[in-house]
Amino acid sequence: MDLRDGTVIDGFESEHPGLVFGTHHVNAYEEDNEVIVDIVANPWDAMATTMDLERMLEWEDTNATESQFHIYRARLNLDTKEVKVEEWENLQEISFINTFDFPMINYNYAGRKHRYVYGWAQLDYYREPLIKKDLQDSNNDLVWFQKSQYPGEMFFIPNPEGVEEDDGVLVTVVFDGNARQSYLLLLDAANMQEINRAYLPHVVPFAVHGNWFPNLV
């Protein structure tokens, strides 16, 4: 949809098998004569039974090295209506680095070309790394992971005086499987190092799709 006048620009089609079912958009922006869309995709039936309680209680360890989620970049040519689907670069050959969901960016870059994407991967049900993806140089991709720690979706809080795109703090709630307690985790978005954690008086269920509203502080 053209944001200037609301007209619909259609005619884009793709038979790429990875784009059958999408869960979340990362971001989209216009560059030259293309609209660039980064999107998280899944097998069409991936969500059908994933959250079934019986399946989760009786899961079998498959030693998975990737999650079911996969991120693609689609290039939509506004002139020819051609759709090109690309893989993100992975120079470090980290098996799961492009297979994450709950994508998060610095929302100051929404609708603009972005460099960094953050997300959550799930390998089987018990290994859950947090990811920083550098789309300019994947040699800089970073991972936060600790055994028996089960984080949720991250949220990016930008430094109000920041200049760099990744100048900010990532916030998520993590369940500590050893202590059987939940805690609020703060990570430095630039280097994925822990700033601090605060244990909570209650176990917090896995939650998604909150946000940060600085005008309400």
C-alpha atoms as a PDB file:
ATOM      1  CA  MET A   1       0.000   0.000   0.000  1.00  0.00           C
ATOM      2  CA  ASP A   2       1.316   3.420  -0.979  1.00  0.00           C
ATOM      3  CA  LEU A   3       1.458   5.328   2.307  1.00  0.00           C
ATOM      4  CA  ARG A   4       1.154   8.643   0.498  1.00  0.00           C
ATOM      5  CA  ASP A   5      -2.338   8.105  -0.920  1.00  0.00           C
ATOM      6  CA  GLY A   6      -3.509   4.659   0.271  1.00  0.00           C
ATOM      7  CA  THR A   7      -3.530   3.048  -3.171  1.00  0.00           C
ATOM      8  CA  VAL A   8      -2.840  -0.692  -3.300  1.00  0.00           C
ATOM      9  CA  ILE A   9       0.126  -1.889  -5.348  1.00  0.00           C
ATOM     10  CA  ASP A  10      -0.548  -5.532  -6.188  1.00  0.00           C
ATOM     11  CA  GLY A  11       0.653  -8.177  -8.622  1.00  0.00           C
ATOM     12  CA  PHE A  12       3.497  -9.562  -6.504  1.00  0.00           C
ATOM     13  CA  GLU A  13       3.663 -13.365  -6.445  1.00  0.00           C
ATOM     14  CA  SER A  14       6.205 -15.918  -5.247  1.00  0.00           C
ATOM     15  CA  GLU A  15       6.268 -19.713  -5.274  1.00  0.00           C
ATOM     16  CA  HIS A  16       9.153 -19.896  -2.824  1.00  0.00           C
ATOM     17  CA  PRO A  17       8.337 -22.866  -0.535  1.00  0.00           C
ATOM     18  CA  GLY A  18       9.615 -21.076   2.555  1.00  0.00           C
ATOM     19  CA  LEU A  19       7.013 -18.326   2.342  1.00  0.00           C
ATOM     20  CA  VAL A  20       3.936 -20.495   2.793  1.00  0.00           C
ATOM     21  CA  PHE A  21       3.281 -19.280   6.348  1.00  0.00           C
ATOM     22  CA  GLY A  22       4.680 -16.215   8.073  1.00  0.00           C
ATOM     23  CA  THR A  23       4.484 -15.406  11.769  1.00  0.00           C
ATOM     24  CA  HIS A  24       6.081 -11.969  12.109  1.00  0.00           C
ATOM     25  CA  HIS A  25       7.456  -9.166   9.978  1.00  0.00           C
ATOM     26  CA  VAL A  26      10.841  -7.798  10.983  1.00  0.00           C
ATOM     27  CA  ASN A  27      10.678  -4.541   9.053  1.00  0.00           C
ATOM     28  CA  ALA A  28      10.070  -3.192   5.556  1.00  0.00           C
ATOM     29  CA  TYR A  29      11.548  -0.226   3.724  1.00  0.00           C
ATOM     30  CA  GLU A  30      11.897   1.181   0.236  1.00  0.00           C
ATOM     31  CA  GLU A  31      15.239   1.217  -1.572  1.00  0.00           C
ATOM     32  CA  ASP A  32      15.587   2.430  -5.153  1.00  0.00           C
ATOM     33  CA  ASN A  33      12.774   0.667  -7.056  1.00  0.00           C
ATOM     34  CA  GLU A  34      12.326  -2.132  -4.509  1.00  0.00           C
ATOM     35  CA  VAL A  35      10.452  -2.712  -1.295  1.00  0.00           C
ATOM     36  CA  ILE A  36      12.610  -4.818   1.039  1.00  0.00           C
ATOM     37  CA  VAL A  37      10.687  -7.061   3.434  1.00  0.00           C
ATOM     38  CA  ASP A  38      12.309  -9.202   6.137  1.00  0.00           C
ATOM     39  CA  ILE A  39       9.868 -11.831   7.379  1.00  0.00           C
ATOM     40  CA  VAL A  40       9.852 -14.817   9.745  1.00  0.00           C
ATOM     41  CA  ALA A  41       8.426 -17.924   8.108  1.00  0.00           C
ATOM     42  CA  ASN A  42       7.443 -21.390   9.358  1.00  0.00           C
ATOM     43  CA  PRO A  43       6.296 -24.679   7.868  1.00  0.00           C
ATOM     44  CA  TRP A  44       2.543 -24.340   7.376  1.00  0.00           C
ATOM     45  CA  ASP A  45       1.770 -26.842  10.148  1.00  0.00           C
ATOM     46  CA  ALA A  46       4.471 -25.769  12.614  1.00  0.00           C
ATOM     47  CA  MET A  47       2.079 -23.997  14.956  1.00  0.00           C
ATOM     48  CA  ALA A  48      -0.625 -26.672  14.900  1.00  0.00           C
ATOM     49  CA  THR A  49       0.660 -28.762  17.810  1.00  0.00           C
ATOM     50  CA  THR A  50       3.683 -26.885  19.157  1.00  0.00           C
ATOM     51  CA  MET A  51       1.840 -25.619  22.229  1.00  0.00           C
ATOM     52  CA  ASP A  52      -0.037 -28.831  23.013  1.00  0.00           C
ATOM     53  CA  LEU A  53       0.579 -29.565  26.694  1.00  0.00           C
ATOM     54  CA  GLU A  54       0.939 -33.323  26.176  1.00  0.00           C
ATOM     55  CA  ARG A  55       3.508 -32.805  23.451  1.00  0.00           C
ATOM     56  CA  MET A  56       5.536 -30.415  25.595  1.00  0.00           C
ATOM     57  CA  LEU A  57       5.477 -32.758  28.599  1.00  0.00           C
ATOM     58  CA  GLU A  58       6.520 -35.774  26.523  1.00  0.00           C
ATOM     59  CA  TRP A  59       8.938 -34.122  24.121  1.00  0.00           C
ATOM     60  CA  GLU A  60      11.903 -36.042  22.758  1.00  0.00           C
ATOM     61  CA  ASP A  61      15.330 -34.458  22.462  1.00  0.00           C
ATOM     62  CA  THR A  62      16.216 -34.376  18.753  1.00  0.00           C
ATOM     63  CA  ASN A  63      19.513 -32.490  19.242  1.00  0.00           C
ATOM     64  CA  ALA A  64      18.137 -29.872  16.871  1.00  0.00           C
ATOM     65  CA  THR A  65      20.652 -27.286  15.706  1.00  0.00           C
ATOM     66  CA  GLU A  66      18.030 -25.012  14.132  1.00  0.00           C
ATOM     67  CA  SER A  67      14.575 -23.879  15.145  1.00  0.00           C
ATOM     68  CA  GLN A  68      11.481 -24.206  12.964  1.00  0.00           C
ATOM     69  CA  PHE A  69      11.492 -20.478  12.289  1.00  0.00           C
ATOM     70  CA  HIS A  70      13.398 -19.135   9.313  1.00  0.00           C
ATOM     71  CA  ILE A  71      13.926 -15.543   8.233  1.00  0.00           C
ATOM     72  CA  TYR A  72      13.901 -14.550   4.592  1.00  0.00           C
ATOM     73  CA  ARG A  73      14.420 -11.270   2.783  1.00  0.00           C
ATOM     74  CA  ALA A  74      11.965 -10.625  -0.038  1.00  0.00           C
ATOM     75  CA  ARG A  75      12.726  -7.970  -2.633  1.00  0.00           C
ATOM     76  CA  LEU A  76       9.611  -6.668  -4.372  1.00  0.00           C
ATOM     77  CA  ASN A  77      10.406  -4.824  -7.597  1.00  0.00           C
ATOM     78  CA  LEU A  78       7.894  -1.999  -7.972  1.00  0.00           C
ATOM     79  CA  ASP A  79       8.451  -1.769 -11.730  1.00  0.00           C
ATOM     80  CA  THR A  80       8.449  -5.415 -12.844  1.00  0.00           C
ATOM     81  CA  LYS A  81       6.541  -6.938  -9.866  1.00  0.00           C
ATOM     82  CA  GLU A  82       9.307  -9.565  -9.639  1.00  0.00           C
ATOM     83  CA  VAL A  83       9.848 -11.091  -6.186  1.00  0.00           C
ATOM     84  CA  LYS A  84      13.332 -12.242  -5.195  1.00  0.00           C
ATOM     85  CA  VAL A  85      13.742 -14.255  -1.977  1.00  0.00           C
ATOM     86  CA  GLU A  86      17.133 -14.245  -0.291  1.00  0.00           C
ATOM     87  CA  GLU A  87      18.842 -15.777   2.729  1.00  0.00           C
ATOM     88  CA  TRP A  88      20.569 -13.624   5.304  1.00  0.00           C
ATOM     89  CA  GLU A  89      24.330 -14.029   5.300  1.00  0.00           C
ATOM     90  CA  ASN A  90      25.871 -16.302   7.945  1.00  0.00           C
ATOM     91  CA  LEU A  91      29.653 -15.924   7.798  1.00  0.00           C
ATOM     92  CA  GLN A  92      30.186 -17.512  11.226  1.00  0.00           C
ATOM     93  CA  GLU A  93      28.154 -20.570  10.188  1.00  0.00           C
ATOM     94  CA  ILE A  94      26.108 -20.529  13.393  1.00  0.00           C
ATOM     95  CA  SER A  95      23.447 -23.114  12.615  1.00  0.00           C
ATOM     96  CA  PHE A  96      20.499 -21.336  14.244  1.00  0.00           C
ATOM     97  CA  ILE A  97      21.493 -17.703  13.689  1.00  0.00           C
ATOM     98  CA  ASN A  98      18.875 -17.075  10.976  1.00  0.00           C
ATOM     99  CA  THR A  99      16.219 -19.314  12.504  1.00  0.00           C
ATOM    100  CA  PHE A 100      14.595 -17.188  15.158  1.00  0.00           C
ATOM    101  CA  ASP A 101      11.261 -15.549  15.857  1.00  0.00           C
ATOM    102  CA  PHE A 102       9.933 -12.591  17.880  1.00  0.00           C
ATOM    103  CA  PRO A 103      12.108 -10.242  15.820  1.00  0.00           C
ATOM    104  CA  MET A 104      12.853  -6.900  17.407  1.00  0.00           C
ATOM    105  CA  ILE A 105      14.527  -3.808  15.992  1.00  0.00           C
ATOM    106  CA  ASN A 106      15.180  -0.294  17.209  1.00  0.00           C
ATOM    107  CA  TYR A 107      11.752   1.076  16.299  1.00  0.00           C
ATOM    108  CA  ASN A 108      13.292   4.407  15.408  1.00  0.00           C
ATOM    109  CA  TYR A 109      14.185   2.490  12.233  1.00  0.00           C
ATOM    110  CA  ALA A 110      10.703   1.193  11.474  1.00  0.00           C
ATOM    111  CA  GLY A 111      10.080   1.746   7.777  1.00  0.00           C
ATOM    112  CA  ARG A 112      13.749   2.674   7.287  1.00  0.00           C
ATOM    113  CA  LYS A 113      16.767   0.568   6.352  1.00  0.00           C
ATOM    114  CA  HIS A 114      17.838  -1.298   9.481  1.00  0.00           C
ATOM    115  CA  ARG A 115      21.095  -3.022  10.310  1.00  0.00           C
ATOM    116  CA  TYR A 116      20.385  -4.941  13.514  1.00  0.00           C
ATOM    117  CA  VAL A 117      17.684  -7.480  14.351  1.00  0.00           C
ATOM    118  CA  TYR A 118      17.237  -9.194  17.716  1.00  0.00           C
ATOM    119  CA  GLY A 119      15.295 -12.370  18.353  1.00  0.00           C
ATOM    120  CA  TRP A 120      14.618 -15.604  20.210  1.00  0.00           C
ATOM    121  CA  ALA A 121      15.337 -19.115  18.950  1.00  0.00           C
ATOM    122  CA  GLN A 122      14.054 -22.399  20.349  1.00  0.00           C
ATOM    123  CA  LEU A 123      15.996 -25.603  19.754  1.00  0.00           C
ATOM    124  CA  ASP A 124      13.769 -28.456  20.800  1.00  0.00           C
ATOM    125  CA  TYR A 125      11.955 -27.105  23.877  1.00  0.00           C
ATOM    126  CA  TYR A 126      14.799 -26.444  26.256  1.00  0.00           C
ATOM    127  CA  ARG A 127      17.589 -24.520  24.530  1.00  0.00           C
ATOM    128  CA  GLU A 128      16.613 -20.909  23.908  1.00  0.00           C
ATOM    129  CA  PRO A 129      19.384 -18.583  22.705  1.00  0.00           C
ATOM    130  CA  LEU A 130      18.849 -14.855  22.247  1.00  0.00           C
ATOM    131  CA  ILE A 131      20.303 -13.439  19.054  1.00  0.00           C
ATOM    132  CA  LYS A 132      21.688 -10.206  17.683  1.00  0.00           C
ATOM    133  CA  LYS A 133      21.872 -10.260  13.887  1.00  0.00           C
ATOM    134  CA  ASP A 134      24.105  -7.795  12.018  1.00  0.00           C
ATOM    135  CA  LEU A 135      22.811  -7.521   8.460  1.00  0.00           C
ATOM    136  CA  GLN A 136      25.763  -5.428   7.351  1.00  0.00           C
ATOM    137  CA  ASP A 137      28.452  -7.841   8.560  1.00  0.00           C
ATOM    138  CA  SER A 138      27.359 -11.206   9.931  1.00  0.00           C
ATOM    139  CA  ASN A 139      30.830 -11.697  11.413  1.00  0.00           C
ATOM    140  CA  ASN A 140      29.424  -9.520  14.191  1.00  0.00           C
ATOM    141  CA  ASP A 141      26.430 -11.755  14.969  1.00  0.00           C
ATOM    142  CA  LEU A 142      26.110 -12.361  18.721  1.00  0.00           C
ATOM    143  CA  VAL A 143      24.327 -14.870  20.973  1.00  0.00           C
ATOM    144  CA  TRP A 144      23.284 -14.875  24.631  1.00  0.00           C
ATOM    145  CA  PHE A 145      22.679 -18.357  26.037  1.00  0.00           C
ATOM    146  CA  GLN A 146      22.779 -19.975  29.463  1.00  0.00           C
ATOM    147  CA  LYS A 147      21.748 -23.521  30.340  1.00  0.00           C
ATOM    148  CA  SER A 148      18.419 -23.954  32.131  1.00  0.00           C
ATOM    149  CA  GLN A 149      17.488 -20.320  31.444  1.00  0.00           C
ATOM    150  CA  TYR A 150      14.290 -19.796  29.461  1.00  0.00           C
ATOM    151  CA  PRO A 151      13.863 -16.253  28.124  1.00  0.00           C
ATOM    152  CA  GLY A 152      10.887 -14.775  26.344  1.00  0.00           C
ATOM    153  CA  GLU A 153      10.516 -12.134  23.687  1.00  0.00           C
ATOM    154  CA  MET A 154      12.975  -9.250  23.947  1.00  0.00           C
ATOM    155  CA  PHE A 155      12.087  -5.584  23.740  1.00  0.00           C
ATOM    156  CA  PHE A 156      14.470  -2.859  22.645  1.00  0.00           C
ATOM    157  CA  ILE A 157      14.586   0.380  24.645  1.00  0.00           C
ATOM    158  CA  PRO A 158      16.677   2.932  22.740  1.00  0.00           C
ATOM    159  CA  ASN A 159      19.030   5.289  24.493  1.00  0.00           C
ATOM    160  CA  PRO A 160      17.238   8.654  24.084  1.00  0.00           C
ATOM    161  CA  GLU A 161      20.638  10.294  23.570  1.00  0.00           C
ATOM    162  CA  GLY A 162      21.985   7.465  21.420  1.00  0.00           C
ATOM    163  CA  VAL A 163      23.454   7.885  17.964  1.00  0.00           C
ATOM    164  CA  GLU A 164      24.143   4.291  16.943  1.00  0.00           C
ATOM    165  CA  GLU A 165      21.274   2.013  15.935  1.00  0.00           C
ATOM    166  CA  ASP A 166      22.168  -0.564  18.584  1.00  0.00           C
ATOM    167  CA  ASP A 167      22.610   1.929  21.413  1.00  0.00           C
ATOM    168  CA  GLY A 168      20.008   0.736  23.868  1.00  0.00           C
ATOM    169  CA  VAL A 169      18.912  -1.941  26.308  1.00  0.00           C
ATOM    170  CA  LEU A 170      17.157  -5.239  25.669  1.00  0.00           C
ATOM    171  CA  VAL A 171      14.627  -6.343  28.261  1.00  0.00           C
ATOM    172  CA  THR A 172      13.068  -9.783  28.695  1.00  0.00           C
ATOM    173  CA  VAL A 173      11.632 -11.980  31.425  1.00  0.00           C
ATOM    174  CA  VAL A 174      13.551 -15.217  31.986  1.00  0.00           C
ATOM    175  CA  PHE A 175      12.566 -18.316  33.931  1.00  0.00           C
ATOM    176  CA  ASP A 176      15.509 -19.707  35.886  1.00  0.00           C
ATOM    177  CA  GLY A 177      15.089 -23.486  35.740  1.00  0.00           C
ATOM    178  CA  ASN A 178      17.555 -24.040  38.562  1.00  0.00           C
ATOM    179  CA  ALA A 179      16.111 -21.521  41.015  1.00  0.00           C
ATOM    180  CA  ARG A 180      12.556 -22.016  39.704  1.00  0.00           C
ATOM    181  CA  GLN A 181      12.093 -18.267  39.698  1.00  0.00           C
ATOM    182  CA  SER A 182      11.504 -15.627  37.055  1.00  0.00           C
ATOM    183  CA  TYR A 183      13.702 -12.594  36.678  1.00  0.00           C
ATOM    184  CA  LEU A 184      13.876  -9.446  34.579  1.00  0.00           C
ATOM    185  CA  LEU A 185      16.993  -9.527  32.408  1.00  0.00           C
ATOM    186  CA  LEU A 186      18.661  -6.424  30.993  1.00  0.00           C
ATOM    187  CA  LEU A 187      21.161  -6.859  28.166  1.00  0.00           C
ATOM    188  CA  ASP A 188      23.367  -4.275  26.486  1.00  0.00           C
ATOM    189  CA  ALA A 189      22.010  -4.256  22.925  1.00  0.00           C
ATOM    190  CA  ALA A 190      25.441  -3.423  21.504  1.00  0.00           C
ATOM    191  CA  ASN A 191      27.331  -6.430  22.868  1.00  0.00           C
ATOM    192  CA  MET A 192      24.606  -8.742  24.296  1.00  0.00           C
ATOM    193  CA  GLN A 193      26.321  -8.668  27.694  1.00  0.00           C
ATOM    194  CA  GLU A 194      24.217  -8.807  30.836  1.00  0.00           C
ATOM    195  CA  ILE A 195      23.749  -5.463  32.584  1.00  0.00           C
ATOM    196  CA  ASN A 196      21.725  -6.802  35.480  1.00  0.00           C
ATOM    197  CA  ARG A 197      18.921  -9.134  36.486  1.00  0.00           C
ATOM    198  CA  ALA A 198      16.186  -8.700  39.084  1.00  0.00           C
ATOM    199  CA  TYR A 199      14.435 -11.749  40.502  1.00  0.00           C
ATOM    200  CA  LEU A 200      10.679 -11.390  40.779  1.00  0.00           C
ATOM    201  CA  PRO A 201       8.379 -12.467  43.630  1.00  0.00           C
ATOM    202  CA  HIS A 202       6.249 -14.571  41.265  1.00  0.00           C
ATOM    203  CA  VAL A 203       6.785 -16.967  38.394  1.00  0.00           C
ATOM    204  CA  VAL A 204       5.852 -15.093  35.233  1.00  0.00           C
ATOM    205  CA  PRO A 205       4.290 -17.185  32.424  1.00  0.00           C
ATOM    206  CA  PHE A 206       5.805 -16.981  28.965  1.00  0.00           C
ATOM    207  CA  ALA A 207       4.445 -13.806  27.415  1.00  0.00           C
ATOM    208  CA  VAL A 208       4.691 -12.145  24.007  1.00  0.00           C
ATOM    209  CA  HIS A 209       4.027  -8.849  22.276  1.00  0.00           C
ATOM    210  CA  GLY A 210       4.388  -6.285  25.003  1.00  0.00           C
ATOM    211  CA  ASN A 211       6.115  -3.006  24.324  1.00  0.00           C
ATOM    212  CA  TRP A 212       7.935  -0.024  25.815  1.00  0.00           C
ATOM    213  CA  PHE A 213       6.124   3.317  26.045  1.00  0.00           C
ATOM    214  CA  PRO A 214       8.599   6.017  27.142  1.00  0.00           C
ATOM    215  CA  ASN A 215       5.900   8.710  27.301  1.00  0.00           C
ATOM    216  CA  LEU A 216       4.239   6.777  30.143  1.00  0.00           C
ATOM    217  CA  VAL A 217       7.324   6.726  32.373  1.00  0.00           C
END
